[in-house]
């Protein structure tokens, strides 16, 4: 069980590093490296999931419903420490993924902005020069 947790921690660290490298590649507009690092994230994620399944099977074989129950009943401090490290890495991954998502969103909005500058589509405003809607008049100018 301890080896499975250690392997999960190492995989999380690899996922975090791959996201950071993907972020760098996105900033540098390096599409090949971006694609490579994102595919590594996917590969590591699948491996992490299979380790999670193995861990659950091992815990169930020992007669426990969850790793939490195992720690509570056995007071295994090493497993508790590994689990805390795993949670810490999951929290870091959440932050890194959020940063990556924000960067992708920014890049998409920037691309749309640049695209709109070069497109020939003209947008029509719903307001006139006086600031009223096209089919509206000021309440002051309105005849009662």
N, C-alpha and C. Protein backbone atom coordinates (compact mmCIF):
# COMPACT_ATOMS: atom_id res chain seq x y z
N UNK A 1 0.83 -1.19 0.00
CA UNK A 1 0.00 0.00 0.00
C UNK A 1 0.87 1.25 0.00
N UNK A 2 1.94 1.22 0.77
CA UNK A 2 2.82 2.38 0.86
C UNK A 2 3.48 2.67 -0.48
N UNK A 3 3.84 1.60 -1.18
CA UNK A 3 4.46 1.79 -2.50
C UNK A 3 3.47 2.40 -3.49
N UNK A 4 2.22 1.97 -3.40
CA UNK A 4 1.20 2.53 -4.29
C UNK A 4 1.02 4.03 -4.03
N UNK A 5 0.99 4.40 -2.75
CA UNK A 5 0.85 5.83 -2.40
C UNK A 5 2.06 6.62 -2.88
N UNK A 6 3.25 6.06 -2.70
CA UNK A 6 4.47 6.74 -3.16
C UNK A 6 4.45 6.92 -4.68
N UNK A 7 4.00 5.88 -5.38
CA UNK A 7 3.90 5.97 -6.84
C UNK A 7 2.88 7.04 -7.25
N UNK A 8 1.76 7.12 -6.53
CA UNK A 8 0.76 8.15 -6.83
C UNK A 8 1.34 9.55 -6.60
N UNK A 9 2.08 9.71 -5.53
CA UNK A 9 2.70 11.01 -5.24
C UNK A 9 3.66 11.39 -6.35
N UNK A 10 4.47 10.43 -6.78
CA UNK A 10 5.42 10.70 -7.87
C UNK A 10 4.70 11.04 -9.17
N UNK A 11 3.61 10.35 -9.45
CA UNK A 11 2.82 10.66 -10.65
C UNK A 11 2.22 12.06 -10.57
N UNK A 12 1.72 12.43 -9.39
CA UNK A 12 1.17 13.78 -9.23
C UNK A 12 2.25 14.83 -9.48
N UNK A 13 3.44 14.59 -8.97
CA UNK A 13 4.54 15.53 -9.21
C UNK A 13 4.86 15.63 -10.70
N UNK A 14 4.79 14.49 -11.39
CA UNK A 14 5.02 14.49 -12.85
C UNK A 14 3.93 15.24 -13.58
N UNK A 15 2.68 15.07 -13.14
CA UNK A 15 1.55 15.79 -13.77
C UNK A 15 1.72 17.29 -13.56
N UNK A 16 2.08 17.69 -12.35
CA UNK A 16 2.29 19.11 -12.05
C UNK A 16 3.39 19.68 -12.92
N UNK A 17 4.48 18.96 -13.02
CA UNK A 17 5.61 19.44 -13.84
C UNK A 17 5.21 19.53 -15.31
N UNK A 18 4.46 18.55 -15.80
CA UNK A 18 4.02 18.58 -17.19
C UNK A 18 3.09 19.76 -17.46
N UNK A 19 2.19 20.06 -16.52
CA UNK A 19 1.32 21.23 -16.67
C UNK A 19 2.14 22.52 -16.71
N UNK A 20 3.16 22.61 -15.87
CA UNK A 20 4.01 23.81 -15.86
C UNK A 20 4.77 23.95 -17.17
N UNK A 21 5.25 22.84 -17.69
CA UNK A 21 5.95 22.87 -18.98
C UNK A 21 4.98 23.19 -20.12
N UNK A 22 3.76 22.69 -20.03
CA UNK A 22 2.74 23.01 -21.04
C UNK A 22 2.41 24.50 -20.99
N UNK A 23 2.35 25.04 -19.79
CA UNK A 23 2.09 26.48 -19.62
C UNK A 23 3.20 27.30 -20.28
N UNK A 24 4.43 26.89 -20.06
CA UNK A 24 5.57 27.58 -20.67
C UNK A 24 5.49 27.48 -22.19
N UNK A 25 5.16 26.30 -22.69
CA UNK A 25 5.04 26.11 -24.14
C UNK A 25 3.92 26.97 -24.72
N UNK A 26 2.82 27.10 -24.00
CA UNK A 26 1.71 27.93 -24.46
C UNK A 26 2.14 29.39 -24.53
N UNK A 27 2.84 29.85 -23.54
CA UNK A 27 3.32 31.24 -23.52
C UNK A 27 4.27 31.49 -24.69
N UNK A 28 5.12 30.50 -24.96
CA UNK A 28 6.11 30.64 -26.04
C UNK A 28 5.54 30.27 -27.41
N UNK A 29 4.25 29.91 -27.45
CA UNK A 29 3.57 29.52 -28.69
C UNK A 29 4.25 28.32 -29.36
N UNK A 30 4.78 27.41 -28.54
CA UNK A 30 5.45 26.20 -29.01
C UNK A 30 4.43 25.06 -29.02
N UNK A 31 3.75 24.91 -30.13
CA UNK A 31 2.62 23.97 -30.24
C UNK A 31 3.07 22.53 -30.07
N UNK A 32 4.24 22.17 -30.59
CA UNK A 32 4.71 20.79 -30.48
C UNK A 32 4.95 20.41 -29.01
N UNK A 33 5.65 21.26 -28.29
CA UNK A 33 5.90 20.97 -26.87
C UNK A 33 4.60 21.01 -26.06
N UNK A 34 3.73 21.92 -26.39
CA UNK A 34 2.44 22.00 -25.71
C UNK A 34 1.69 20.68 -25.87
N UNK A 35 1.63 20.18 -27.09
CA UNK A 35 0.94 18.92 -27.36
C UNK A 35 1.62 17.76 -26.64
N UNK A 36 2.93 17.76 -26.63
CA UNK A 36 3.68 16.68 -25.99
C UNK A 36 3.41 16.65 -24.49
N UNK A 37 3.44 17.82 -23.86
CA UNK A 37 3.25 17.87 -22.41
C UNK A 37 1.80 17.56 -22.01
N UNK A 38 0.86 17.98 -22.82
CA UNK A 38 -0.54 17.67 -22.52
C UNK A 38 -0.79 16.17 -22.67
N UNK A 39 -0.17 15.54 -23.66
CA UNK A 39 -0.34 14.09 -23.80
C UNK A 39 0.32 13.35 -22.63
N UNK A 40 1.41 13.89 -22.10
CA UNK A 40 2.03 13.29 -20.91
C UNK A 40 1.10 13.40 -19.70
N UNK A 41 0.44 14.55 -19.58
CA UNK A 41 -0.53 14.72 -18.48
C UNK A 41 -1.61 13.65 -18.57
N UNK A 42 -2.10 13.42 -19.77
CA UNK A 42 -3.14 12.41 -19.98
C UNK A 42 -2.62 11.02 -19.62
N UNK A 43 -1.42 10.70 -20.07
CA UNK A 43 -0.82 9.39 -19.77
C UNK A 43 -0.64 9.21 -18.26
N UNK A 44 -0.08 10.22 -17.60
CA UNK A 44 0.12 10.13 -16.15
C UNK A 44 -1.20 10.02 -15.41
N UNK A 45 -2.22 10.70 -15.91
CA UNK A 45 -3.53 10.64 -15.27
C UNK A 45 -4.13 9.24 -15.34
N UNK A 46 -3.99 8.60 -16.49
CA UNK A 46 -4.47 7.22 -16.61
C UNK A 46 -3.72 6.29 -15.66
N UNK A 47 -2.40 6.48 -15.56
CA UNK A 47 -1.61 5.68 -14.63
C UNK A 47 -2.02 5.92 -13.18
N UNK A 48 -2.29 7.18 -12.86
CA UNK A 48 -2.73 7.52 -11.51
C UNK A 48 -4.05 6.82 -11.19
N UNK A 49 -4.96 6.83 -12.15
CA UNK A 49 -6.26 6.20 -11.95
C UNK A 49 -6.12 4.69 -11.72
N UNK A 50 -5.24 4.05 -12.47
CA UNK A 50 -5.05 2.61 -12.27
C UNK A 50 -4.42 2.31 -10.92
N UNK A 51 -3.51 3.17 -10.45
CA UNK A 51 -2.94 3.00 -9.12
C UNK A 51 -4.01 3.18 -8.04
N UNK A 52 -4.91 4.11 -8.28
CA UNK A 52 -6.01 4.35 -7.34
C UNK A 52 -6.90 3.10 -7.24
N UNK A 53 -7.17 2.48 -8.37
CA UNK A 53 -7.97 1.25 -8.37
C UNK A 53 -7.25 0.13 -7.62
N UNK A 54 -5.94 0.00 -7.85
CA UNK A 54 -5.15 -1.01 -7.14
C UNK A 54 -5.17 -0.76 -5.64
N UNK A 55 -5.04 0.49 -5.25
CA UNK A 55 -5.04 0.84 -3.84
C UNK A 55 -6.37 0.49 -3.19
N UNK A 56 -7.46 0.80 -3.87
CA UNK A 56 -8.79 0.46 -3.34
C UNK A 56 -8.98 -1.04 -3.21
N UNK A 57 -8.49 -1.80 -4.19
CA UNK A 57 -8.58 -3.26 -4.12
C UNK A 57 -7.78 -3.79 -2.92
N UNK A 58 -6.60 -3.24 -2.73
CA UNK A 58 -5.75 -3.69 -1.63
C UNK A 58 -6.39 -3.37 -0.27
N UNK A 59 -6.97 -2.20 -0.16
CA UNK A 59 -7.63 -1.81 1.09
C UNK A 59 -8.84 -2.72 1.35
N UNK A 60 -9.60 -3.00 0.29
CA UNK A 60 -10.77 -3.88 0.43
C UNK A 60 -10.36 -5.30 0.81
N UNK A 61 -9.24 -5.79 0.25
CA UNK A 61 -8.75 -7.12 0.60
C UNK A 61 -8.39 -7.21 2.09
N UNK A 62 -7.92 -6.09 2.63
CA UNK A 62 -7.54 -6.06 4.04
C UNK A 62 -8.76 -5.93 4.96
N UNK A 63 -9.94 -5.74 4.35
CA UNK A 63 -11.16 -5.68 5.13
C UNK A 63 -11.61 -4.28 5.51
N UNK A 64 -11.07 -3.27 4.86
CA UNK A 64 -11.45 -1.88 5.14
C UNK A 64 -12.20 -1.31 3.95
N UNK A 65 -13.10 -0.37 4.26
CA UNK A 65 -13.90 0.25 3.19
C UNK A 65 -13.15 1.39 2.52
N UNK A 66 -12.26 2.04 3.27
CA UNK A 66 -11.52 3.18 2.72
C UNK A 66 -10.16 3.30 3.40
N UNK A 67 -9.31 4.10 2.81
CA UNK A 67 -8.00 4.31 3.41
C UNK A 67 -8.12 5.08 4.72
N UNK A 68 -9.14 5.92 4.80
CA UNK A 68 -9.41 6.66 6.04
C UNK A 68 -9.71 5.68 7.18
N UNK A 69 -10.56 4.72 6.90
CA UNK A 69 -10.90 3.71 7.91
C UNK A 69 -9.65 2.93 8.31
N UNK A 70 -8.80 2.59 7.32
CA UNK A 70 -7.56 1.87 7.60
C UNK A 70 -6.68 2.66 8.57
N UNK A 71 -6.51 3.94 8.31
CA UNK A 71 -5.65 4.78 9.15
C UNK A 71 -6.25 4.92 10.56
N UNK A 72 -7.55 5.12 10.62
CA UNK A 72 -8.20 5.27 11.93
C UNK A 72 -8.07 4.02 12.79
N UNK A 73 -8.17 2.85 12.17
CA UNK A 73 -8.15 1.61 12.95
C UNK A 73 -6.74 1.10 13.22
N UNK A 74 -5.79 1.41 12.36
CA UNK A 74 -4.43 0.88 12.54
C UNK A 74 -3.46 1.91 13.10
N UNK A 75 -3.83 3.18 13.03
CA UNK A 75 -2.93 4.27 13.47
C UNK A 75 -1.57 4.20 12.76
N UNK A 76 -1.60 3.82 11.49
CA UNK A 76 -0.38 3.74 10.69
C UNK A 76 0.06 5.15 10.31
N UNK A 77 1.04 5.67 11.03
CA UNK A 77 1.45 7.06 10.83
C UNK A 77 2.16 7.27 9.49
N UNK A 78 2.85 6.26 9.00
CA UNK A 78 3.54 6.41 7.71
C UNK A 78 2.53 6.54 6.57
N UNK A 79 1.48 5.73 6.60
CA UNK A 79 0.44 5.83 5.58
C UNK A 79 -0.29 7.16 5.71
N UNK A 80 -0.52 7.60 6.94
CA UNK A 80 -1.18 8.90 7.16
C UNK A 80 -0.32 10.03 6.59
N UNK A 81 0.99 9.94 6.80
CA UNK A 81 1.89 10.97 6.26
C UNK A 81 1.88 10.94 4.73
N UNK A 82 1.93 9.76 4.16
CA UNK A 82 1.90 9.64 2.69
C UNK A 82 0.59 10.18 2.13
N UNK A 83 -0.50 9.89 2.82
CA UNK A 83 -1.80 10.39 2.37
C UNK A 83 -1.85 11.92 2.46
N UNK A 84 -1.29 12.48 3.53
CA UNK A 84 -1.24 13.94 3.67
C UNK A 84 -0.40 14.55 2.55
N UNK A 85 0.70 13.91 2.21
CA UNK A 85 1.55 14.38 1.10
C UNK A 85 0.79 14.30 -0.21
N UNK A 86 0.03 13.23 -0.40
CA UNK A 86 -0.79 13.07 -1.60
C UNK A 86 -1.80 14.20 -1.71
N UNK A 87 -2.48 14.51 -0.61
CA UNK A 87 -3.47 15.59 -0.61
C UNK A 87 -2.81 16.93 -0.89
N UNK A 88 -1.63 17.14 -0.32
CA UNK A 88 -0.88 18.38 -0.57
C UNK A 88 -0.57 18.52 -2.05
N UNK A 89 -0.14 17.44 -2.67
CA UNK A 89 0.16 17.47 -4.10
C UNK A 89 -1.10 17.66 -4.94
N UNK A 90 -2.21 17.08 -4.51
CA UNK A 90 -3.48 17.30 -5.21
C UNK A 90 -3.89 18.77 -5.15
N UNK A 91 -3.67 19.40 -4.00
CA UNK A 91 -3.97 20.83 -3.87
C UNK A 91 -3.09 21.67 -4.79
N UNK A 92 -1.81 21.32 -4.86
CA UNK A 92 -0.91 22.04 -5.76
C UNK A 92 -1.34 21.84 -7.21
N UNK A 93 -1.74 20.62 -7.55
CA UNK A 93 -2.22 20.34 -8.91
C UNK A 93 -3.45 21.18 -9.25
N UNK A 94 -4.33 21.33 -8.29
CA UNK A 94 -5.53 22.15 -8.50
C UNK A 94 -5.15 23.58 -8.85
N UNK A 95 -4.18 24.12 -8.14
CA UNK A 95 -3.72 25.50 -8.39
C UNK A 95 -3.08 25.61 -9.77
N UNK A 96 -2.21 24.65 -10.08
CA UNK A 96 -1.52 24.66 -11.39
C UNK A 96 -2.52 24.52 -12.53
N UNK A 97 -3.51 23.65 -12.36
CA UNK A 97 -4.53 23.48 -13.40
C UNK A 97 -5.38 24.74 -13.57
N UNK A 98 -5.67 25.40 -12.47
CA UNK A 98 -6.44 26.64 -12.53
C UNK A 98 -5.65 27.72 -13.26
N UNK A 99 -4.37 27.82 -12.97
CA UNK A 99 -3.51 28.79 -13.66
C UNK A 99 -3.45 28.48 -15.15
N UNK A 100 -3.33 27.21 -15.50
CA UNK A 100 -3.27 26.81 -16.90
C UNK A 100 -4.58 27.15 -17.60
N UNK A 101 -5.71 26.87 -16.95
CA UNK A 101 -7.01 27.19 -17.53
C UNK A 101 -7.15 28.69 -17.76
N UNK A 102 -6.72 29.49 -16.79
CA UNK A 102 -6.79 30.95 -16.94
C UNK A 102 -5.93 31.42 -18.11
N UNK A 103 -4.76 30.82 -18.27
CA UNK A 103 -3.88 31.19 -19.37
C UNK A 103 -4.51 30.81 -20.71
N UNK A 104 -5.11 29.64 -20.79
CA UNK A 104 -5.78 29.21 -22.03
C UNK A 104 -6.95 30.14 -22.34
N UNK A 105 -7.72 30.48 -21.31
CA UNK A 105 -8.85 31.41 -21.52
C UNK A 105 -8.36 32.76 -22.03
N UNK A 106 -7.27 33.25 -21.44
CA UNK A 106 -6.71 34.52 -21.89
C UNK A 106 -6.27 34.43 -23.34
N UNK A 107 -5.56 33.36 -23.68
CA UNK A 107 -5.07 33.18 -25.05
C UNK A 107 -6.24 33.13 -26.04
N UNK A 108 -7.31 32.44 -25.66
CA UNK A 108 -8.49 32.35 -26.54
C UNK A 108 -9.13 33.71 -26.74
N UNK A 109 -9.27 34.47 -25.66
CA UNK A 109 -9.87 35.81 -25.76
C UNK A 109 -8.98 36.73 -26.58
N UNK A 110 -7.69 36.63 -26.41
CA UNK A 110 -6.75 37.44 -27.17
C UNK A 110 -6.84 37.09 -28.65
N UNK A 111 -6.91 35.79 -28.95
CA UNK A 111 -7.04 35.36 -30.34
C UNK A 111 -8.32 35.90 -30.96
N UNK A 112 -9.43 35.82 -30.23
CA UNK A 112 -10.71 36.34 -30.74
C UNK A 112 -10.63 37.85 -30.96
N UNK A 113 -9.95 38.55 -30.08
CA UNK A 113 -9.79 39.99 -30.23
C UNK A 113 -8.98 40.32 -31.49
N UNK A 114 -7.87 39.64 -31.67
CA UNK A 114 -7.03 39.87 -32.86
C UNK A 114 -7.81 39.49 -34.12
N UNK A 115 -8.52 38.39 -34.07
CA UNK A 115 -9.31 37.96 -35.23
C UNK A 115 -10.36 39.01 -35.58
N UNK A 116 -10.99 39.60 -34.58
CA UNK A 116 -12.01 40.60 -34.85
C UNK A 116 -11.41 41.87 -35.46
N UNK A 117 -10.16 42.16 -35.13
CA UNK A 117 -9.50 43.33 -35.72
C UNK A 117 -9.25 43.16 -37.21
N UNK A 118 -8.98 41.92 -37.62
CA UNK A 118 -8.66 41.65 -39.01
C UNK A 118 -9.85 41.20 -39.85
N UNK A 119 -10.97 40.98 -39.21
CA UNK A 119 -12.14 40.54 -39.98
C UNK A 119 -12.85 41.76 -40.55
N UNK A 120 -13.59 41.56 -41.60
CA UNK A 120 -14.30 42.65 -42.24
C UNK A 120 -15.70 42.83 -41.68
N UNK A 121 -16.03 42.09 -40.66
CA UNK A 121 -17.39 42.20 -40.13
C UNK A 121 -17.50 43.47 -39.30
N UNK A 122 -18.50 44.23 -39.63
CA UNK A 122 -18.72 45.45 -38.86
C UNK A 122 -19.88 45.19 -37.91
N UNK A 123 -19.73 45.66 -36.72
CA UNK A 123 -20.80 45.47 -35.74
C UNK A 123 -21.61 46.75 -35.67
N UNK A 124 -22.89 46.58 -35.54
CA UNK A 124 -23.75 47.74 -35.44
C UNK A 124 -24.14 47.94 -34.00
N UNK A 125 -24.10 49.16 -33.59
CA UNK A 125 -24.43 49.48 -32.22
C UNK A 125 -25.94 49.58 -32.06
N UNK A 126 -26.41 49.29 -30.89
CA UNK A 126 -27.84 49.41 -30.63
C UNK A 126 -28.17 50.80 -30.09
N UNK A 127 -27.16 51.64 -30.02
CA UNK A 127 -27.36 52.99 -29.50
C UNK A 127 -27.05 54.03 -30.57
N UNK A 128 -27.77 55.15 -30.50
CA UNK A 128 -27.53 56.25 -31.41
C UNK A 128 -26.46 57.16 -30.82
N UNK A 129 -26.12 58.23 -31.57
CA UNK A 129 -25.11 59.16 -31.08
C UNK A 129 -25.56 59.86 -29.80
N UNK A 130 -26.87 59.98 -29.62
CA UNK A 130 -27.39 60.61 -28.40
C UNK A 130 -27.39 59.65 -27.22
N UNK A 131 -27.13 58.36 -27.46
CA UNK A 131 -27.06 57.40 -26.38
C UNK A 131 -28.32 56.60 -26.17
N UNK A 132 -29.35 56.85 -26.97
CA UNK A 132 -30.59 56.11 -26.82
C UNK A 132 -30.58 54.92 -27.74
N UNK A 133 -31.46 53.99 -27.45
CA UNK A 133 -31.60 52.85 -28.34
C UNK A 133 -32.08 53.31 -29.70
N UNK A 134 -31.85 52.53 -30.72
CA UNK A 134 -32.20 52.89 -32.09
C UNK A 134 -33.67 53.26 -32.20
N UNK A 135 -34.55 52.52 -31.56
CA UNK A 135 -35.98 52.78 -31.67
C UNK A 135 -36.54 53.47 -30.43
N UNK A 136 -35.67 54.09 -29.66
CA UNK A 136 -36.12 54.76 -28.45
C UNK A 136 -35.84 56.26 -28.54
N UNK A 137 -36.59 57.00 -27.76
CA UNK A 137 -36.36 58.45 -27.65
C UNK A 137 -36.20 58.75 -26.19
N UNK A 138 -35.64 59.88 -25.90
CA UNK A 138 -35.47 60.30 -24.52
C UNK A 138 -36.83 60.51 -23.88
N UNK A 139 -36.94 60.23 -22.62
CA UNK A 139 -38.19 60.45 -21.89
C UNK A 139 -38.53 61.94 -21.86
N UNK A 140 -37.50 62.77 -21.92
CA UNK A 140 -37.72 64.23 -21.89
C UNK A 140 -38.35 64.70 -23.20
N UNK A 141 -37.90 64.12 -24.33
CA UNK A 141 -38.41 64.53 -25.65
C UNK A 141 -39.78 63.92 -25.95
N UNK A 142 -40.23 63.03 -25.15
CA UNK A 142 -41.46 62.29 -25.43
C UNK A 142 -42.68 63.20 -25.23
N UNK A 143 -43.58 63.14 -26.17
CA UNK A 143 -44.81 63.93 -26.07
C UNK A 143 -45.85 63.13 -25.33
N UNK A 144 -46.48 63.74 -24.33
CA UNK A 144 -47.52 63.07 -23.54
C UNK A 144 -48.88 63.51 -23.93
